N, C-alpha and C. Protein backbone atom coordinates (compact mmCIF):
# COMPACT_ATOMS: atom_id res chain seq x y z
N UNK A 1 -39.86 -56.84 -102.70
CA UNK A 1 -39.49 -55.52 -102.40
C UNK A 1 -40.65 -54.69 -101.90
N UNK A 2 -40.90 -53.62 -102.61
CA UNK A 2 -41.91 -52.64 -102.21
C UNK A 2 -43.32 -53.23 -102.23
N UNK A 3 -43.58 -54.15 -103.20
CA UNK A 3 -44.90 -54.75 -103.30
C UNK A 3 -45.22 -55.53 -102.02
N UNK A 4 -44.26 -56.30 -101.49
CA UNK A 4 -44.47 -57.06 -100.26
C UNK A 4 -44.76 -56.13 -99.09
N UNK A 5 -44.04 -55.02 -98.99
CA UNK A 5 -44.25 -54.05 -97.91
C UNK A 5 -45.65 -53.46 -98.03
N UNK A 6 -46.04 -53.11 -99.28
CA UNK A 6 -47.35 -52.52 -99.52
C UNK A 6 -48.47 -53.49 -99.13
N UNK A 7 -48.33 -54.78 -99.48
CA UNK A 7 -49.34 -55.77 -99.13
C UNK A 7 -49.44 -55.92 -97.62
N UNK A 8 -48.29 -55.91 -96.92
CA UNK A 8 -48.30 -56.02 -95.47
C UNK A 8 -48.99 -54.81 -94.85
N UNK A 9 -48.73 -53.62 -95.39
CA UNK A 9 -49.38 -52.41 -94.88
C UNK A 9 -50.89 -52.48 -95.07
N UNK A 10 -51.34 -53.01 -96.23
CA UNK A 10 -52.77 -53.16 -96.49
C UNK A 10 -53.40 -54.12 -95.48
N UNK A 11 -52.70 -55.24 -95.18
CA UNK A 11 -53.21 -56.19 -94.20
C UNK A 11 -53.30 -55.54 -92.83
N UNK A 12 -52.27 -54.77 -92.45
CA UNK A 12 -52.28 -54.10 -91.15
C UNK A 12 -53.42 -53.10 -91.05
N UNK A 13 -53.68 -52.37 -92.14
CA UNK A 13 -54.77 -51.39 -92.15
C UNK A 13 -56.12 -52.09 -92.00
N UNK A 14 -56.28 -53.25 -92.66
CA UNK A 14 -57.57 -53.94 -92.58
C UNK A 14 -57.81 -54.47 -91.17
N UNK A 15 -56.75 -54.81 -90.43
CA UNK A 15 -56.91 -55.26 -89.05
C UNK A 15 -57.36 -54.13 -88.14
N UNK A 16 -57.03 -52.90 -88.52
CA UNK A 16 -57.37 -51.74 -87.69
C UNK A 16 -58.86 -51.38 -87.79
N UNK A 17 -59.51 -51.83 -88.84
CA UNK A 17 -60.92 -51.50 -89.03
C UNK A 17 -61.75 -52.12 -87.91
N UNK A 18 -62.82 -51.44 -87.55
CA UNK A 18 -63.72 -51.94 -86.52
C UNK A 18 -64.43 -53.17 -87.08
N UNK A 19 -64.46 -54.27 -86.31
CA UNK A 19 -65.12 -55.48 -86.82
C UNK A 19 -66.60 -55.23 -87.04
N UNK A 20 -67.12 -55.81 -88.08
CA UNK A 20 -68.53 -55.66 -88.43
C UNK A 20 -69.38 -56.44 -87.45
N UNK A 21 -70.42 -55.83 -86.94
CA UNK A 21 -71.25 -56.42 -85.91
C UNK A 21 -72.47 -57.15 -86.46
N UNK A 22 -72.83 -56.88 -87.72
CA UNK A 22 -74.02 -57.50 -88.30
C UNK A 22 -73.68 -58.10 -89.66
N UNK A 23 -74.39 -59.11 -90.02
CA UNK A 23 -74.28 -59.66 -91.35
C UNK A 23 -75.38 -59.02 -92.19
N UNK A 24 -75.06 -58.60 -93.40
CA UNK A 24 -76.07 -57.94 -94.22
C UNK A 24 -76.89 -58.99 -94.97
N UNK A 25 -78.07 -58.57 -95.37
CA UNK A 25 -78.96 -59.45 -96.12
C UNK A 25 -79.47 -58.67 -97.32
N UNK A 26 -79.21 -59.17 -98.50
CA UNK A 26 -79.71 -58.56 -99.72
C UNK A 26 -81.19 -58.90 -99.83
N UNK A 27 -82.05 -57.88 -99.82
CA UNK A 27 -83.49 -58.13 -99.82
C UNK A 27 -83.98 -58.81 -101.10
N UNK A 28 -83.16 -58.84 -102.14
CA UNK A 28 -83.59 -59.49 -103.37
C UNK A 28 -83.39 -61.01 -103.32
N UNK A 29 -82.70 -61.50 -102.30
CA UNK A 29 -82.44 -62.93 -102.19
C UNK A 29 -83.41 -63.57 -101.21
N UNK A 30 -83.80 -64.79 -101.50
CA UNK A 30 -84.65 -65.56 -100.60
C UNK A 30 -83.78 -66.59 -99.90
N UNK A 31 -83.99 -66.75 -98.61
CA UNK A 31 -83.25 -67.73 -97.84
C UNK A 31 -84.22 -68.75 -97.27
N UNK A 32 -84.08 -69.98 -97.71
CA UNK A 32 -84.92 -71.05 -97.19
C UNK A 32 -84.02 -72.23 -96.81
N UNK A 33 -84.50 -73.03 -95.86
CA UNK A 33 -83.75 -74.23 -95.51
C UNK A 33 -84.23 -75.36 -96.41
N UNK A 34 -83.64 -76.56 -96.29
CA UNK A 34 -84.04 -77.67 -97.18
C UNK A 34 -85.51 -78.07 -97.06
N UNK A 35 -86.17 -77.72 -95.95
CA UNK A 35 -87.58 -78.05 -95.80
C UNK A 35 -88.49 -76.98 -96.38
N UNK A 36 -87.91 -75.89 -96.90
CA UNK A 36 -88.69 -74.82 -97.51
C UNK A 36 -89.07 -73.70 -96.56
N UNK A 37 -88.58 -73.73 -95.32
CA UNK A 37 -88.89 -72.68 -94.34
C UNK A 37 -88.16 -71.39 -94.72
N UNK A 38 -88.90 -70.28 -94.76
CA UNK A 38 -88.29 -68.97 -94.99
C UNK A 38 -87.50 -68.61 -93.73
N UNK A 39 -86.19 -68.61 -93.84
CA UNK A 39 -85.34 -68.43 -92.67
C UNK A 39 -85.44 -67.04 -92.07
N UNK A 40 -85.54 -66.03 -92.89
CA UNK A 40 -85.65 -64.67 -92.36
C UNK A 40 -86.93 -64.53 -91.53
N UNK A 41 -88.04 -64.99 -92.09
CA UNK A 41 -89.32 -64.92 -91.38
C UNK A 41 -89.27 -65.75 -90.10
N UNK A 42 -88.69 -66.95 -90.18
CA UNK A 42 -88.59 -67.81 -89.00
C UNK A 42 -87.80 -67.13 -87.88
N UNK A 43 -86.65 -66.56 -88.22
CA UNK A 43 -85.82 -65.91 -87.20
C UNK A 43 -86.51 -64.70 -86.59
N UNK A 44 -87.15 -63.89 -87.41
CA UNK A 44 -87.87 -62.71 -86.89
C UNK A 44 -88.98 -63.16 -85.94
N UNK A 45 -89.77 -64.15 -86.36
CA UNK A 45 -90.86 -64.63 -85.50
C UNK A 45 -90.33 -65.23 -84.20
N UNK A 46 -89.26 -65.99 -84.28
CA UNK A 46 -88.68 -66.60 -83.08
C UNK A 46 -88.16 -65.53 -82.13
N UNK A 47 -87.51 -64.51 -82.67
CA UNK A 47 -87.00 -63.42 -81.84
C UNK A 47 -88.13 -62.68 -81.12
N UNK A 48 -89.28 -62.55 -81.78
CA UNK A 48 -90.39 -61.79 -81.22
C UNK A 48 -91.21 -62.57 -80.19
N UNK A 49 -91.38 -63.89 -80.39
CA UNK A 49 -92.39 -64.57 -79.59
C UNK A 49 -91.90 -65.25 -78.33
N UNK A 50 -90.62 -65.59 -78.21
CA UNK A 50 -90.16 -66.33 -77.04
C UNK A 50 -88.87 -65.73 -76.49
N UNK A 51 -88.92 -65.12 -75.31
CA UNK A 51 -87.73 -64.47 -74.74
C UNK A 51 -86.55 -65.43 -74.54
N UNK A 52 -86.83 -66.67 -74.18
CA UNK A 52 -85.75 -67.64 -73.98
C UNK A 52 -85.06 -67.98 -75.31
N UNK A 53 -85.87 -68.19 -76.35
CA UNK A 53 -85.30 -68.45 -77.68
C UNK A 53 -84.55 -67.22 -78.19
N UNK A 54 -85.08 -66.05 -77.91
CA UNK A 54 -84.41 -64.81 -78.30
C UNK A 54 -83.01 -64.73 -77.69
N UNK A 55 -82.92 -65.04 -76.40
CA UNK A 55 -81.62 -65.01 -75.73
C UNK A 55 -80.67 -66.04 -76.32
N UNK A 56 -81.20 -67.22 -76.63
CA UNK A 56 -80.36 -68.26 -77.23
C UNK A 56 -79.85 -67.83 -78.60
N UNK A 57 -80.74 -67.26 -79.43
CA UNK A 57 -80.32 -66.80 -80.75
C UNK A 57 -79.29 -65.68 -80.66
N UNK A 58 -79.48 -64.77 -79.74
CA UNK A 58 -78.51 -63.67 -79.58
C UNK A 58 -77.16 -64.20 -79.10
N UNK A 59 -77.19 -65.17 -78.22
CA UNK A 59 -75.95 -65.79 -77.75
C UNK A 59 -75.24 -66.51 -78.90
N UNK A 60 -76.01 -67.26 -79.69
CA UNK A 60 -75.43 -67.96 -80.84
C UNK A 60 -74.85 -66.97 -81.85
N UNK A 61 -75.56 -65.87 -82.07
CA UNK A 61 -75.07 -64.84 -82.99
C UNK A 61 -73.71 -64.31 -82.53
N UNK A 62 -73.59 -64.02 -81.24
CA UNK A 62 -72.31 -63.51 -80.72
C UNK A 62 -71.20 -64.53 -80.89
N UNK A 63 -71.50 -65.80 -80.63
CA UNK A 63 -70.50 -66.86 -80.79
C UNK A 63 -70.06 -66.99 -82.25
N UNK A 64 -71.02 -66.91 -83.16
CA UNK A 64 -70.71 -67.03 -84.59
C UNK A 64 -69.89 -65.83 -85.06
N UNK A 65 -70.28 -64.62 -84.66
CA UNK A 65 -69.53 -63.43 -85.06
C UNK A 65 -68.11 -63.46 -84.50
N UNK A 66 -67.97 -63.93 -83.27
CA UNK A 66 -66.65 -64.07 -82.66
C UNK A 66 -65.80 -65.07 -83.45
N UNK A 67 -66.40 -66.19 -83.84
CA UNK A 67 -65.70 -67.20 -84.62
C UNK A 67 -65.28 -66.66 -85.99
N UNK A 68 -66.18 -65.95 -86.65
CA UNK A 68 -65.89 -65.41 -87.98
C UNK A 68 -64.72 -64.44 -87.93
N UNK A 69 -64.65 -63.64 -86.87
CA UNK A 69 -63.60 -62.63 -86.78
C UNK A 69 -62.26 -63.20 -86.32
N UNK A 70 -62.23 -64.44 -85.86
CA UNK A 70 -60.98 -65.07 -85.39
C UNK A 70 -60.40 -65.93 -86.50
N UNK A 71 -59.37 -65.42 -87.16
CA UNK A 71 -58.76 -66.14 -88.28
C UNK A 71 -57.93 -67.34 -87.84
N UNK A 72 -57.70 -67.49 -86.55
CA UNK A 72 -56.87 -68.59 -86.06
C UNK A 72 -57.62 -69.90 -85.91
N UNK A 73 -58.95 -69.86 -85.88
CA UNK A 73 -59.75 -71.08 -85.71
C UNK A 73 -60.42 -71.47 -87.01
N UNK A 74 -60.33 -72.76 -87.32
CA UNK A 74 -60.92 -73.28 -88.55
C UNK A 74 -62.27 -73.94 -88.31
N UNK A 75 -62.63 -74.19 -87.04
CA UNK A 75 -63.92 -74.79 -86.72
C UNK A 75 -64.39 -74.28 -85.37
N UNK A 76 -65.68 -74.45 -85.13
CA UNK A 76 -66.29 -74.01 -83.88
C UNK A 76 -67.06 -75.18 -83.29
N UNK A 77 -66.76 -75.51 -82.05
CA UNK A 77 -67.49 -76.56 -81.35
C UNK A 77 -68.43 -75.90 -80.35
N UNK A 78 -69.71 -76.18 -80.49
CA UNK A 78 -70.70 -75.62 -79.58
C UNK A 78 -70.95 -76.62 -78.45
N UNK A 79 -71.36 -76.11 -77.28
CA UNK A 79 -71.67 -77.02 -76.18
C UNK A 79 -72.89 -77.88 -76.52
N UNK A 80 -73.05 -78.96 -75.77
CA UNK A 80 -74.20 -79.83 -75.98
C UNK A 80 -75.48 -79.03 -75.76
N UNK A 81 -76.45 -79.25 -76.64
CA UNK A 81 -77.72 -78.52 -76.55
C UNK A 81 -78.86 -79.40 -77.02
N UNK A 82 -80.07 -78.94 -76.75
CA UNK A 82 -81.25 -79.71 -77.17
C UNK A 82 -81.36 -79.73 -78.69
N UNK A 83 -82.13 -80.67 -79.19
CA UNK A 83 -82.32 -80.75 -80.65
C UNK A 83 -82.99 -79.48 -81.18
N UNK A 84 -83.87 -78.89 -80.37
CA UNK A 84 -84.51 -77.63 -80.79
C UNK A 84 -83.47 -76.52 -80.94
N UNK A 85 -82.57 -76.41 -79.98
CA UNK A 85 -81.52 -75.39 -80.06
C UNK A 85 -80.55 -75.69 -81.20
N UNK A 86 -80.31 -76.96 -81.48
CA UNK A 86 -79.48 -77.31 -82.63
C UNK A 86 -80.14 -76.82 -83.92
N UNK A 87 -81.48 -77.01 -83.99
CA UNK A 87 -82.22 -76.55 -85.17
C UNK A 87 -82.11 -75.02 -85.30
N UNK A 88 -82.23 -74.31 -84.16
CA UNK A 88 -82.08 -72.85 -84.20
C UNK A 88 -80.70 -72.47 -84.73
N UNK A 89 -79.69 -73.15 -84.25
CA UNK A 89 -78.32 -72.88 -84.69
C UNK A 89 -78.15 -73.13 -86.19
N UNK A 90 -78.68 -74.22 -86.68
CA UNK A 90 -78.54 -74.53 -88.11
C UNK A 90 -79.30 -73.55 -88.97
N UNK A 91 -80.47 -73.15 -88.54
CA UNK A 91 -81.25 -72.18 -89.31
C UNK A 91 -80.61 -70.83 -89.24
């Protein structure tokens, strides 16, 4: 009855919200990969030092955000890329 209508209205309202453009990071948490690399520091340094890598990371970010916001897809297939770019994507 009314509960089902209310839940549907809540879902419709949440779809109307502007999609979030950034992922937040709690500064109290540390993010490292299995090799012990500080991921936040690695990404910041990569973004600053190489314009080509910066463009690749920004492109990957847009693809990931697009994937996250699309509830119809359960997986994302990326185009073939170099092992270095694969590492950037995983980090």
